[in-house]
Amino acid sequence: MTSTVKQFARALRKQPTKPEELLWRALRGRRFEGAKFRRQVPFSRYVVDFYCHSAKLVVELDGKQHGWFADYDAARQRDIEAFAHVRIVRFRNEEIMNDLDAVLAKIAEESRLGSK
């Protein structure tokens, strides 16, 4: 992993978006089902939004720009899944802002799938 990716991850942690802040408040410090989540985690040459090692689960938040980069996102997801053997669940920023409870329920469901 290059130091550039690590530096990028640090920069992202210092300037979270509103949806990232909101979700991080719910996930941090083992507040969510006792699971340890990390944010802005380097994976190979990418940085993922949130990661739970015990569940092998990556949570990605997609803003409006992700619609414009759908092909890139699909290739990135395949690379991350192959590199780290993880599952990725994606949410739109609007879902986080408008229905955090439903998002957390989906994350809980996906987390339990990883522990089986």
PDB file of N, CA and C in Angstrom:
ATOM      1  N   MET A   1       0.855  -1.174   0.000  1.00  0.00           N
ATOM      2  CA  MET A   1       0.000   0.000   0.000  1.00  0.00           C
ATOM      3  C   MET A   1       0.901   1.237   0.000  1.00  0.00           C
ATOM      4  N   THR A   2       0.604   2.141  -0.863  1.00  0.00           N
ATOM      5  CA  THR A   2       1.450   3.316  -0.979  1.00  0.00           C
ATOM      6  C   THR A   2       1.122   4.334   0.096  1.00  0.00           C
ATOM      7  N   SER A   3       2.101   5.144   0.404  1.00  0.00           N
ATOM      8  CA  SER A   3       1.866   6.198   1.388  1.00  0.00           C
ATOM      9  C   SER A   3       0.850   7.214   0.857  1.00  0.00           C
ATOM     10  N   THR A   4       0.735   7.326  -0.465  1.00  0.00           N
ATOM     11  CA  THR A   4      -0.243   8.238  -1.053  1.00  0.00           C
ATOM     12  C   THR A   4      -1.662   7.818  -0.682  1.00  0.00           C
ATOM     13  N   VAL A   5      -1.945   6.525  -0.712  1.00  0.00           N
ATOM     14  CA  VAL A   5      -3.276   6.029  -0.350  1.00  0.00           C
ATOM     15  C   VAL A   5      -3.536   6.299   1.126  1.00  0.00           C
ATOM     16  N   LYS A   6      -2.543   6.066   1.959  1.00  0.00           N
ATOM     17  CA  LYS A   6      -2.684   6.330   3.395  1.00  0.00           C
ATOM     18  C   LYS A   6      -2.928   7.813   3.648  1.00  0.00           C
ATOM     19  N   GLN A   7      -2.199   8.664   2.946  1.00  0.00           N
ATOM     20  CA  GLN A   7      -2.378  10.110   3.109  1.00  0.00           C
ATOM     21  C   GLN A   7      -3.776  10.527   2.661  1.00  0.00           C
ATOM     22  N   PHE A   8      -4.238   9.949   1.573  1.00  0.00           N
ATOM     23  CA  PHE A   8      -5.578  10.253   1.074  1.00  0.00           C
ATOM     24  C   PHE A   8      -6.625   9.840   2.108  1.00  0.00           C
ATOM     25  N   ALA A   9      -6.456   8.651   2.709  1.00  0.00           N
ATOM     26  CA  ALA A   9      -7.398   8.178   3.729  1.00  0.00           C
ATOM     27  C   ALA A   9      -7.416   9.131   4.917  1.00  0.00           C
ATOM     28  N   ARG A  10      -6.257   9.575   5.350  1.00  0.00           N
ATOM     29  CA  ARG A  10      -6.185  10.534   6.467  1.00  0.00           C
ATOM     30  C   ARG A  10      -6.908  11.832   6.129  1.00  0.00           C
ATOM     31  N   ALA A  11      -6.702  12.304   4.912  1.00  0.00           N
ATOM     32  CA  ALA A  11      -7.363  13.547   4.489  1.00  0.00           C
ATOM     33  C   ALA A  11      -8.882  13.376   4.482  1.00  0.00           C
ATOM     34  N   LEU A  12      -9.358  12.235   4.012  1.00  0.00           N
ATOM     35  CA  LEU A  12     -10.806  11.980   4.001  1.00  0.00           C
ATOM     36  C   LEU A  12     -11.372  11.922   5.415  1.00  0.00           C
ATOM     37  N   ARG A  13     -10.619  11.349   6.359  1.00  0.00           N
ATOM     38  CA  ARG A  13     -11.088  11.284   7.748  1.00  0.00           C
ATOM     39  C   ARG A  13     -11.204  12.677   8.355  1.00  0.00           C
ATOM     40  N   LYS A  14     -10.373  13.595   7.910  1.00  0.00           N
ATOM     41  CA  LYS A  14     -10.394  14.955   8.456  1.00  0.00           C
ATOM     42  C   LYS A  14     -11.530  15.800   7.901  1.00  0.00           C
ATOM     43  N   GLN A  15     -12.081  15.404   6.745  1.00  0.00           N
ATOM     44  CA  GLN A  15     -13.144  16.188   6.118  1.00  0.00           C
ATOM     45  C   GLN A  15     -14.317  15.292   5.702  1.00  0.00           C
ATOM     46  N   PRO A  16     -15.008  14.706   6.671  1.00  0.00           N
ATOM     47  CA  PRO A  16     -16.124  13.826   6.311  1.00  0.00           C
ATOM     48  C   PRO A  16     -17.313  14.615   5.775  1.00  0.00           C
ATOM     49  N   THR A  17     -18.104  13.940   4.959  1.00  0.00           N
ATOM     50  CA  THR A  17     -19.354  14.535   4.500  1.00  0.00           C
ATOM     51  C   THR A  17     -20.384  14.406   5.624  1.00  0.00           C
ATOM     52  N   LYS A  18     -21.491  15.117   5.519  1.00  0.00           N
ATOM     53  CA  LYS A  18     -22.552  15.026   6.530  1.00  0.00           C
ATOM     54  C   LYS A  18     -23.060  13.583   6.686  1.00  0.00           C
ATOM     55  N   PRO A  19     -23.350  12.871   5.572  1.00  0.00           N
ATOM     56  CA  PRO A  19     -23.799  11.487   5.733  1.00  0.00           C
ATOM     57  C   PRO A  19     -22.737  10.599   6.407  1.00  0.00           C
ATOM     58  N   GLU A  20     -21.469  10.805   6.076  1.00  0.00           N
ATOM     59  CA  GLU A  20     -20.404  10.032   6.722  1.00  0.00           C
ATOM     60  C   GLU A  20     -20.361  10.311   8.224  1.00  0.00           C
ATOM     61  N   GLU A  21     -20.481  11.572   8.600  1.00  0.00           N
ATOM     62  CA  GLU A  21     -20.501  11.932  10.027  1.00  0.00           C
ATOM     63  C   GLU A  21     -21.652  11.257  10.752  1.00  0.00           C
ATOM     64  N   LEU A  22     -22.830  11.300  10.147  1.00  0.00           N
ATOM     65  CA  LEU A  22     -24.020  10.737  10.762  1.00  0.00           C
ATOM     66  C   LEU A  22     -23.870   9.220  10.952  1.00  0.00           C
ATOM     67  N   LEU A  23     -23.436   8.536   9.915  1.00  0.00           N
ATOM     68  CA  LEU A  23     -23.273   7.090  10.022  1.00  0.00           C
ATOM     69  C   LEU A  23     -22.138   6.741  10.985  1.00  0.00           C
ATOM     70  N   TRP A  24     -21.063   7.504  10.970  1.00  0.00           N
ATOM     71  CA  TRP A  24     -19.935   7.230  11.863  1.00  0.00           C
ATOM     72  C   TRP A  24     -20.356   7.356  13.330  1.00  0.00           C
ATOM     73  N   ARG A  25     -21.199   8.321  13.642  1.00  0.00           N
ATOM     74  CA  ARG A  25     -21.690   8.454  15.020  1.00  0.00           C
ATOM     75  C   ARG A  25     -22.418   7.191  15.471  1.00  0.00           C
ATOM     76  N   ALA A  26     -23.106   6.531  14.550  1.00  0.00           N
ATOM     77  CA  ALA A  26     -23.845   5.314  14.896  1.00  0.00           C
ATOM     78  C   ALA A  26     -22.937   4.080  14.967  1.00  0.00           C
ATOM     79  N   LEU A  27     -21.854   4.070  14.199  1.00  0.00           N
ATOM     80  CA  LEU A  27     -21.003   2.881  14.106  1.00  0.00           C
ATOM     81  C   LEU A  27     -19.787   2.899  15.033  1.00  0.00           C
ATOM     82  N   ARG A  28     -19.288   4.043  15.375  1.00  0.00           N
ATOM     83  CA  ARG A  28     -17.992   4.142  16.062  1.00  0.00           C
ATOM     84  C   ARG A  28     -18.033   3.594  17.480  1.00  0.00           C
ATOM     85  N   GLY A  29     -16.868   3.238  17.959  1.00  0.00           N
ATOM     86  CA  GLY A  29     -16.719   2.827  19.351  1.00  0.00           C
ATOM     87  C   GLY A  29     -17.519   1.594  19.736  1.00  0.00           C
ATOM     88  N   ARG A  30     -17.699   0.692  18.793  1.00  0.00           N
ATOM     89  CA  ARG A  30     -18.467  -0.547  19.035  1.00  0.00           C
ATOM     90  C   ARG A  30     -19.901  -0.279  19.486  1.00  0.00           C
ATOM     91  N   ARG A  31     -20.435   0.881  19.142  1.00  0.00           N
ATOM     92  CA  ARG A  31     -21.817   1.235  19.500  1.00  0.00           C
ATOM     93  C   ARG A  31     -22.834   0.404  18.742  1.00  0.00           C
ATOM     94  N   PHE A  32     -22.440  -0.065  17.592  1.00  0.00           N
ATOM     95  CA  PHE A  32     -23.371  -0.782  16.726  1.00  0.00           C
ATOM     96  C   PHE A  32     -23.146  -2.279  16.870  1.00  0.00           C
ATOM     97  N   GLU A  33     -24.021  -2.929  17.608  1.00  0.00           N
ATOM     98  CA  GLU A  33     -23.998  -4.377  17.809  1.00  0.00           C
ATOM     99  C   GLU A  33     -22.647  -4.897  18.295  1.00  0.00           C
ATOM    100  N   GLY A  34     -21.881  -4.050  18.962  1.00  0.00           N
ATOM    101  CA  GLY A  34     -20.587  -4.455  19.498  1.00  0.00           C
ATOM    102  C   GLY A  34     -19.507  -4.657  18.448  1.00  0.00           C
ATOM    103  N   ALA A  35     -19.812  -4.331  17.196  1.00  0.00           N
ATOM    104  CA  ALA A  35     -18.853  -4.528  16.107  1.00  0.00           C
ATOM    105  C   ALA A  35     -17.913  -3.340  15.992  1.00  0.00           C
ATOM    106  N   LYS A  36     -16.657  -3.619  15.713  1.00  0.00           N
ATOM    107  CA  LYS A  36     -15.674  -2.554  15.528  1.00  0.00           C
ATOM    108  C   LYS A  36     -15.625  -2.162  14.053  1.00  0.00           C
ATOM    109  N   PHE A  37     -15.972  -0.937  13.784  1.00  0.00           N
ATOM    110  CA  PHE A  37     -15.881  -0.374  12.439  1.00  0.00           C
ATOM    111  C   PHE A  37     -14.744   0.632  12.402  1.00  0.00           C
ATOM    112  N   ARG A  38     -14.089   0.704  11.272  1.00  0.00           N
ATOM    113  CA  ARG A  38     -13.086   1.741  11.011  1.00  0.00           C
ATOM    114  C   ARG A  38     -13.603   2.554   9.832  1.00  0.00           C
ATOM    115  N   ARG A  39     -13.119   3.789   9.724  1.00  0.00           N
ATOM    116  CA  ARG A  39     -13.580   4.617   8.601  1.00  0.00           C
ATOM    117  C   ARG A  39     -12.407   5.044   7.742  1.00  0.00           C
ATOM    118  N   GLN A  40     -12.704   5.248   6.473  1.00  0.00           N
ATOM    119  CA  GLN A  40     -11.715   5.644   5.470  1.00  0.00           C
ATOM    120  C   GLN A  40     -10.488   4.741   5.563  1.00  0.00           C
ATOM    121  N   VAL A  41     -10.703   3.486   5.214  1.00  0.00           N
ATOM    122  CA  VAL A  41      -9.686   2.441   5.355  1.00  0.00           C
ATOM    123  C   VAL A  41      -9.056   2.136   3.998  1.00  0.00           C
ATOM    124  N   PRO A  42      -7.727   2.185   3.907  1.00  0.00           N
ATOM    125  CA  PRO A  42      -7.054   1.817   2.660  1.00  0.00           C
ATOM    126  C   PRO A  42      -7.178   0.318   2.364  1.00  0.00           C
ATOM    127  N   PHE A  43      -7.569  -0.001   1.143  1.00  0.00           N
ATOM    128  CA  PHE A  43      -7.621  -1.366   0.631  1.00  0.00           C
ATOM    129  C   PHE A  43      -6.934  -1.347  -0.719  1.00  0.00           C
ATOM    130  N   SER A  44      -5.788  -1.979  -0.817  1.00  0.00           N
ATOM    131  CA  SER A  44      -5.036  -1.989  -2.064  1.00  0.00           C
ATOM    132  C   SER A  44      -4.796  -0.526  -2.480  1.00  0.00           C
ATOM    133  N   ARG A  45      -5.269  -0.150  -3.641  1.00  0.00           N
ATOM    134  CA  ARG A  45      -5.049   1.242  -4.090  1.00  0.00           C
ATOM    135  C   ARG A  45      -6.278   2.121  -3.887  1.00  0.00           C
ATOM    136  N   TYR A  46      -7.251   1.628  -3.138  1.00  0.00           N
ATOM    137  CA  TYR A  46      -8.491   2.348  -2.886  1.00  0.00           C
ATOM    138  C   TYR A  46      -8.651   2.665  -1.399  1.00  0.00           C
ATOM    139  N   VAL A  47      -9.623   3.530  -1.115  1.00  0.00           N
ATOM    140  CA  VAL A  47     -10.007   3.826   0.262  1.00  0.00           C
ATOM    141  C   VAL A  47     -11.505   3.563   0.356  1.00  0.00           C
ATOM    142  N   VAL A  48     -11.902   2.723   1.330  1.00  0.00           N
ATOM    143  CA  VAL A  48     -13.331   2.433   1.522  1.00  0.00           C
ATOM    144  C   VAL A  48     -13.849   3.286   2.667  1.00  0.00           C
ATOM    145  N   ASP A  49     -15.149   3.575   2.650  1.00  0.00           N
ATOM    146  CA  ASP A  49     -15.727   4.474   3.642  1.00  0.00           C
ATOM    147  C   ASP A  49     -15.715   3.882   5.051  1.00  0.00           C
ATOM    148  N   PHE A  50     -16.252   2.666   5.208  1.00  0.00           N
ATOM    149  CA  PHE A  50     -16.312   2.020   6.525  1.00  0.00           C
ATOM    150  C   PHE A  50     -15.999   0.542   6.352  1.00  0.00           C
ATOM    151  N   TYR A  51     -15.342  -0.042   7.363  1.00  0.00           N
ATOM    152  CA  TYR A  51     -14.966  -1.451   7.282  1.00  0.00           C
ATOM    153  C   TYR A  51     -15.088  -2.106   8.642  1.00  0.00           C
ATOM    154  N   CYS A  52     -15.712  -3.288   8.667  1.00  0.00           N
ATOM    155  CA  CYS A  52     -15.803  -4.123   9.864  1.00  0.00           C
ATOM    156  C   CYS A  52     -15.072  -5.420   9.564  1.00  0.00           C
ATOM    157  N   HIS A  53     -13.909  -5.612  10.191  1.00  0.00           N
ATOM    158  CA  HIS A  53     -13.074  -6.780   9.921  1.00  0.00           C
ATOM    159  C   HIS A  53     -13.765  -8.080  10.337  1.00  0.00           C
ATOM    160  N   SER A  54     -14.395  -8.101  11.503  1.00  0.00           N
ATOM    161  CA  SER A  54     -14.994  -9.340  11.995  1.00  0.00           C
ATOM    162  C   SER A  54     -16.110  -9.843  11.082  1.00  0.00           C
ATOM    163  N   ALA A  55     -16.812  -8.946  10.425  1.00  0.00           N
ATOM    164  CA  ALA A  55     -17.884  -9.327   9.503  1.00  0.00           C
ATOM    165  C   ALA A  55     -17.407  -9.363   8.054  1.00  0.00           C
ATOM    166  N   LYS A  56     -16.164  -8.936   7.807  1.00  0.00           N
ATOM    167  CA  LYS A  56     -15.637  -8.836   6.440  1.00  0.00           C
ATOM    168  C   LYS A  56     -16.601  -8.023   5.579  1.00  0.00           C
ATOM    169  N   LEU A  57     -16.998  -6.873   6.120  1.00  0.00           N
ATOM    170  CA  LEU A  57     -18.015  -6.045   5.482  1.00  0.00           C
ATOM    171  C   LEU A  57     -17.501  -4.631   5.261  1.00  0.00           C
ATOM    172  N   VAL A  58     -17.659  -4.163   4.044  1.00  0.00           N
ATOM    173  CA  VAL A  58     -17.352  -2.783   3.672  1.00  0.00           C
ATOM    174  C   VAL A  58     -18.681  -2.066   3.446  1.00  0.00           C
ATOM    175  N   VAL A  59     -18.801  -0.871   4.010  1.00  0.00           N
ATOM    176  CA  VAL A  59     -19.982  -0.038   3.801  1.00  0.00           C
ATOM    177  C   VAL A  59     -19.530   1.185   3.011  1.00  0.00           C
ATOM    178  N   GLU A  60     -20.128   1.375   1.849  1.00  0.00           N
ATOM    179  CA  GLU A  60     -19.791   2.498   0.994  1.00  0.00           C
ATOM    180  C   GLU A  60     -20.980   3.444   0.885  1.00  0.00           C
ATOM    181  N   LEU A  61     -20.701   4.737   0.934  1.00  0.00           N
ATOM    182  CA  LEU A  61     -21.719   5.765   0.755  1.00  0.00           C
ATOM    183  C   LEU A  61     -21.527   6.402  -0.611  1.00  0.00           C
ATOM    184  N   ASP A  62     -22.610   6.534  -1.325  1.00  0.00           N
ATOM    185  CA  ASP A  62     -22.552   7.076  -2.679  1.00  0.00           C
ATOM    186  C   ASP A  62     -23.293   8.393  -2.754  1.00  0.00           C
ATOM    187  N   GLY A  63     -22.564   9.428  -3.127  1.00  0.00           N
ATOM    188  CA  GLY A  63     -23.178  10.719  -3.387  1.00  0.00           C
ATOM    189  C   GLY A  63     -23.638  10.789  -4.829  1.00  0.00           C
ATOM    190  N   LYS A  64     -24.092  11.951  -5.233  1.00  0.00           N
ATOM    191  CA  LYS A  64     -24.606  12.125  -6.598  1.00  0.00           C
ATOM    192  C   LYS A  64     -23.561  11.796  -7.653  1.00  0.00           C
ATOM    193  N   GLN A  65     -22.296  12.075  -7.376  1.00  0.00           N
ATOM    194  CA  GLN A  65     -21.241  11.848  -8.363  1.00  0.00           C
ATOM    195  C   GLN A  65     -21.070  10.378  -8.710  1.00  0.00           C
ATOM    196  N   HIS A  66     -21.480   9.474  -7.837  1.00  0.00           N
ATOM    197  CA  HIS A  66     -21.296   8.050  -8.107  1.00  0.00           C
ATOM    198  C   HIS A  66     -22.139   7.577  -9.284  1.00  0.00           C
ATOM    199  N   GLY A  67     -23.240   8.222  -9.552  1.00  0.00           N
ATOM    200  CA  GLY A  67     -24.036   7.893 -10.725  1.00  0.00           C
ATOM    201  C   GLY A  67     -23.271   8.153 -12.012  1.00  0.00           C
ATOM    202  N   TRP A  68     -22.402   9.128 -11.968  1.00  0.00           N
ATOM    203  CA  TRP A  68     -21.619   9.485 -13.151  1.00  0.00           C
ATOM    204  C   TRP A  68     -20.450   8.525 -13.365  1.00  0.00           C
ATOM    205  N   PHE A  69     -20.058   7.818 -12.316  1.00  0.00           N
ATOM    206  CA  PHE A  69     -18.887   6.946 -12.381  1.00  0.00           C
ATOM    207  C   PHE A  69     -19.250   5.487 -12.117  1.00  0.00           C
ATOM    208  N   ALA A  70     -20.388   5.054 -12.615  1.00  0.00           N
ATOM    209  CA  ALA A  70     -20.891   3.705 -12.328  1.00  0.00           C
ATOM    210  C   ALA A  70     -19.924   2.622 -12.800  1.00  0.00           C
ATOM    211  N   ASP A  71     -19.331   2.777 -13.976  1.00  0.00           N
ATOM    212  CA  ASP A  71     -18.392   1.769 -14.478  1.00  0.00           C
ATOM    213  C   ASP A  71     -17.149   1.689 -13.599  1.00  0.00           C
ATOM    214  N   TYR A  72     -16.630   2.847 -13.215  1.00  0.00           N
ATOM    215  CA  TYR A  72     -15.467   2.882 -12.324  1.00  0.00           C
ATOM    216  C   TYR A  72     -15.801   2.223 -10.985  1.00  0.00           C
ATOM    217  N   ASP A  73     -16.956   2.558 -10.429  1.00  0.00           N
ATOM    218  CA  ASP A  73     -17.372   1.992  -9.136  1.00  0.00           C
ATOM    219  C   ASP A  73     -17.503   0.476  -9.212  1.00  0.00           C
ATOM    220  N   ALA A  74     -18.039  -0.033 -10.302  1.00  0.00           N
ATOM    221  CA  ALA A  74     -18.204  -1.484 -10.459  1.00  0.00           C
ATOM    222  C   ALA A  74     -16.839  -2.174 -10.519  1.00  0.00           C
ATOM    223  N   ALA A  75     -15.905  -1.607 -11.276  1.00  0.00           N
ATOM    224  CA  ALA A  75     -14.562  -2.185 -11.365  1.00  0.00           C
ATOM    225  C   ALA A  75     -13.847  -2.092 -10.016  1.00  0.00           C
ATOM    226  N   ARG A  76     -13.998  -0.971  -9.359  1.00  0.00           N
ATOM    227  CA  ARG A  76     -13.395  -0.766  -8.036  1.00  0.00           C
ATOM    228  C   ARG A  76     -13.929  -1.797  -7.047  1.00  0.00           C
ATOM    229  N   GLN A  77     -15.245  -2.010  -7.071  1.00  0.00           N
ATOM    230  CA  GLN A  77     -15.857  -2.979  -6.162  1.00  0.00           C
ATOM    231  C   GLN A  77     -15.314  -4.384  -6.424  1.00  0.00           C
ATOM    232  N   ARG A  78     -15.214  -4.779  -7.684  1.00  0.00           N
ATOM    233  CA  ARG A  78     -14.665  -6.103  -8.013  1.00  0.00           C
ATOM    234  C   ARG A  78     -13.232  -6.236  -7.503  1.00  0.00           C
ATOM    235  N   ASP A  79     -12.424  -5.199  -7.693  1.00  0.00           N
ATOM    236  CA  ASP A  79     -11.033  -5.221  -7.228  1.00  0.00           C
ATOM    237  C   ASP A  79     -10.953  -5.372  -5.713  1.00  0.00           C
ATOM    238  N   ILE A  80     -11.758  -4.606  -4.996  1.00  0.00           N
ATOM    239  CA  ILE A  80     -11.739  -4.652  -3.523  1.00  0.00           C
ATOM    240  C   ILE A  80     -12.209  -6.011  -3.028  1.00  0.00           C
ATOM    241  N   GLU A  81     -13.289  -6.527  -3.603  1.00  0.00           N
ATOM    242  CA  GLU A  81     -13.805  -7.828  -3.172  1.00  0.00           C
ATOM    243  C   GLU A  81     -12.775  -8.932  -3.421  1.00  0.00           C
ATOM    244  N   ALA A  82     -12.093  -8.875  -4.553  1.00  0.00           N
ATOM    245  CA  ALA A  82     -11.086  -9.886  -4.871  1.00  0.00           C
ATOM    246  C   ALA A  82      -9.854  -9.731  -3.982  1.00  0.00           C
ATOM    247  N   PHE A  83      -9.439  -8.500  -3.724  1.00  0.00           N
ATOM    248  CA  PHE A  83      -8.238  -8.236  -2.918  1.00  0.00           C
ATOM    249  C   PHE A  83      -8.443  -8.641  -1.465  1.00  0.00           C
ATOM    250  N   ALA A  84      -9.570  -8.279  -0.897  1.00  0.00           N
ATOM    251  CA  ALA A  84      -9.764  -8.430   0.544  1.00  0.00           C
ATOM    252  C   ALA A  84     -10.785  -9.500   0.928  1.00  0.00           C
ATOM    253  N   HIS A  85     -11.433 -10.119  -0.052  1.00  0.00           N
ATOM    254  CA  HIS A  85     -12.447 -11.145   0.227  1.00  0.00           C
ATOM    255  C   HIS A  85     -13.505 -10.613   1.190  1.00  0.00           C
ATOM    256  N   VAL A  86     -14.079  -9.497   0.822  1.00  0.00           N
ATOM    257  CA  VAL A  86     -15.104  -8.843   1.637  1.00  0.00           C
ATOM    258  C   VAL A  86     -16.381  -8.697   0.817  1.00  0.00           C
ATOM    259  N   ARG A  87     -17.475  -8.439   1.521  1.00  0.00           N
ATOM    260  CA  ARG A  87     -18.723  -8.053   0.880  1.00  0.00           C
ATOM    261  C   ARG A  87     -18.830  -6.543   0.984  1.00  0.00           C
ATOM    262  N   ILE A  88     -19.445  -5.955  -0.006  1.00  0.00           N
ATOM    263  CA  ILE A  88     -19.633  -4.504  -0.007  1.00  0.00           C
ATOM    264  C   ILE A  88     -21.119  -4.215  -0.092  1.00  0.00           C
ATOM    265  N   VAL A  89     -21.573  -3.362   0.810  1.00  0.00           N
ATOM    266  CA  VAL A  89     -22.959  -2.895   0.776  1.00  0.00           C
ATOM    267  C   VAL A  89     -22.896  -1.383   0.557  1.00  0.00           C
ATOM    268  N   ARG A  90     -23.747  -0.904  -0.337  1.00  0.00           N
ATOM    269  CA  ARG A  90     -23.718   0.507  -0.725  1.00  0.00           C
ATOM    270  C   ARG A  90     -25.020   1.188  -0.335  1.00  0.00           C
ATOM    271  N   PHE A  91     -24.885   2.443   0.057  1.00  0.00           N
ATOM    272  CA  PHE A  91     -26.050   3.273   0.373  1.00  0.00           C
ATOM    273  C   PHE A  91     -25.863   4.637  -0.266  1.00  0.00           C
ATOM    274  N   ARG A  92     -26.959   5.207  -0.725  1.00  0.00           N
ATOM    275  CA  ARG A  92     -26.917   6.583  -1.226  1.00  0.00           C
ATOM    276  C   ARG A  92     -26.918   7.528  -0.023  1.00  0.00           C
ATOM    277  N   ASN A  93     -26.301   8.656  -0.183  1.00  0.00           N
ATOM    278  CA  ASN A  93     -26.270   9.651   0.892  1.00  0.00           C
ATOM    279  C   ASN A  93     -27.674   9.981   1.393  1.00  0.00           C
ATOM    280  N   GLU A  94     -28.631  10.043   0.472  1.00  0.00           N
ATOM    281  CA  GLU A  94     -30.003  10.370   0.853  1.00  0.00           C
ATOM    282  C   GLU A  94     -30.578   9.328   1.810  1.00  0.00           C
ATOM    283  N   GLU A  95     -30.208   8.063   1.621  1.00  0.00           N
ATOM    284  CA  GLU A  95     -30.691   7.015   2.522  1.00  0.00           C
ATOM    285  C   GLU A  95     -30.178   7.246   3.944  1.00  0.00           C
ATOM    286  N   ILE A  96     -28.933   7.640   4.056  1.00  0.00           N
ATOM    287  CA  ILE A  96     -28.341   7.900   5.372  1.00  0.00           C
ATOM    288  C   ILE A  96     -29.061   9.075   6.034  1.00  0.00           C
ATOM    289  N   MET A  97     -29.264  10.134   5.283  1.00  0.00           N
ATOM    290  CA  MET A  97     -29.852  11.342   5.836  1.00  0.00           C
ATOM    291  C   MET A  97     -31.347  11.187   6.150  1.00  0.00           C
ATOM    292  N   ASN A  98     -32.057  10.385   5.353  1.00  0.00           N
ATOM    293  CA  ASN A  98     -33.508  10.302   5.492  1.00  0.00           C
ATOM    294  C   ASN A  98     -34.017   9.087   6.266  1.00  0.00           C
ATOM    295  N   ASP A  99     -33.240   8.011   6.320  1.00  0.00           N
ATOM    296  CA  ASP A  99     -33.731   6.800   6.990  1.00  0.00           C
ATOM    297  C   ASP A  99     -32.564   5.992   7.557  1.00  0.00           C
ATOM    298  N   LEU A 100     -31.873   6.587   8.507  1.00  0.00           N
ATOM    299  CA  LEU A 100     -30.701   5.945   9.103  1.00  0.00           C
ATOM    300  C   LEU A 100     -31.062   4.601   9.741  1.00  0.00           C
ATOM    301  N   ASP A 101     -32.231   4.495  10.346  1.00  0.00           N
ATOM    302  CA  ASP A 101     -32.632   3.232  10.976  1.00  0.00           C
ATOM    303  C   ASP A 101     -32.681   2.085   9.963  1.00  0.00           C
ATOM    304  N   ALA A 102     -33.211   2.333   8.777  1.00  0.00           N
ATOM    305  CA  ALA A 102     -33.262   1.297   7.742  1.00  0.00           C
ATOM    306  C   ALA A 102     -31.858   0.926   7.278  1.00  0.00           C
ATOM    307  N   VAL A 103     -30.984   1.904   7.167  1.00  0.00           N
ATOM    308  CA  VAL A 103     -29.596   1.650   6.782  1.00  0.00           C
ATOM    309  C   VAL A 103     -28.917   0.774   7.834  1.00  0.00           C
ATOM    310  N   LEU A 104     -29.094   1.118   9.099  1.00  0.00           N
ATOM    311  CA  LEU A 104     -28.475   0.339  10.174  1.00  0.00           C
ATOM    312  C   LEU A 104     -29.036  -1.084  10.215  1.00  0.00           C
ATOM    313  N   ALA A 105     -30.319  -1.240   9.930  1.00  0.00           N
ATOM    314  CA  ALA A 105     -30.916  -2.577   9.888  1.00  0.00           C
ATOM    315  C   ALA A 105     -30.278  -3.418   8.781  1.00  0.00           C
ATOM    316  N   LYS A 106     -30.040  -2.804   7.633  1.00  0.00           N
ATOM    317  CA  LYS A 106     -29.398  -3.515   6.511  1.00  0.00           C
ATOM    318  C   LYS A 106     -27.953  -3.860   6.864  1.00  0.00           C
ATOM    319  N   ILE A 107     -27.238  -2.955   7.504  1.00  0.00           N
ATOM    320  CA  ILE A 107     -25.861  -3.235   7.916  1.00  0.00           C
ATOM    321  C   ILE A 107     -25.845  -4.379   8.930  1.00  0.00           C
ATOM    322  N   ALA A 108     -26.786  -4.383   9.851  1.00  0.00           N
ATOM    323  CA  ALA A 108     -26.878  -5.466  10.847  1.00  0.00           C
ATOM    324  C   ALA A 108     -27.115  -6.792  10.151  1.00  0.00           C
ATOM    325  N   GLU A 109     -28.017  -6.801   9.190  1.00  0.00           N
ATOM    326  CA  GLU A 109     -28.302  -8.026   8.430  1.00  0.00           C
ATOM    327  C   GLU A 109     -27.055  -8.517   7.720  1.00  0.00           C
ATOM    328  N   GLU A 110     -26.357  -7.626   7.033  1.00  0.00           N
ATOM    329  CA  GLU A 110     -25.139  -7.990   6.307  1.00  0.00           C
ATOM    330  C   GLU A 110     -24.023  -8.434   7.259  1.00  0.00           C
ATOM    331  N   SER A 111     -23.939  -7.801   8.428  1.00  0.00           N
ATOM    332  CA  SER A 111     -22.926  -8.173   9.412  1.00  0.00           C
ATOM    333  C   SER A 111     -23.150  -9.598   9.909  1.00  0.00           C
ATOM    334  N   ARG A 112     -24.394  -9.951  10.142  1.00  0.00           N
ATOM    335  CA  ARG A 112     -24.717 -11.315  10.609  1.00  0.00           C
ATOM    336  C   ARG A 112     -24.405 -12.342   9.529  1.00  0.00           C
ATOM    337  N   LEU A 113     -24.599 -11.996   8.273  1.00  0.00           N
ATOM    338  CA  LEU A 113     -24.266 -12.919   7.188  1.00  0.00           C
ATOM    339  C   LEU A 113     -22.785 -13.252   7.207  1.00  0.00           C
ATOM    340  N   GLY A 114     -21.966 -12.261   7.545  1.00  0.00           N
ATOM    341  CA  GLY A 114     -20.521 -12.471   7.564  1.00  0.00           C
ATOM    342  C   GLY A 114     -20.064 -13.337   8.717  1.00  0.00           C
ATOM    343  N   SER A 115     -20.850 -13.412   9.788  1.00  0.00           N
ATOM    344  CA  SER A 115     -20.422 -14.172  10.966  1.00  0.00           C
ATOM    345  C   SER A 115     -20.865 -15.625  10.907  1.00  0.00           C
ATOM    346  N   LYS A 116     -21.585 -15.997   9.850  1.00  0.00           N
ATOM    347  CA  LYS A 116     -22.041 -17.390   9.735  1.00  0.00           C
ATOM    348  C   LYS A 116     -20.965 -18.277   9.175  1.00  0.00           C
TER     349      LYS A 116
END
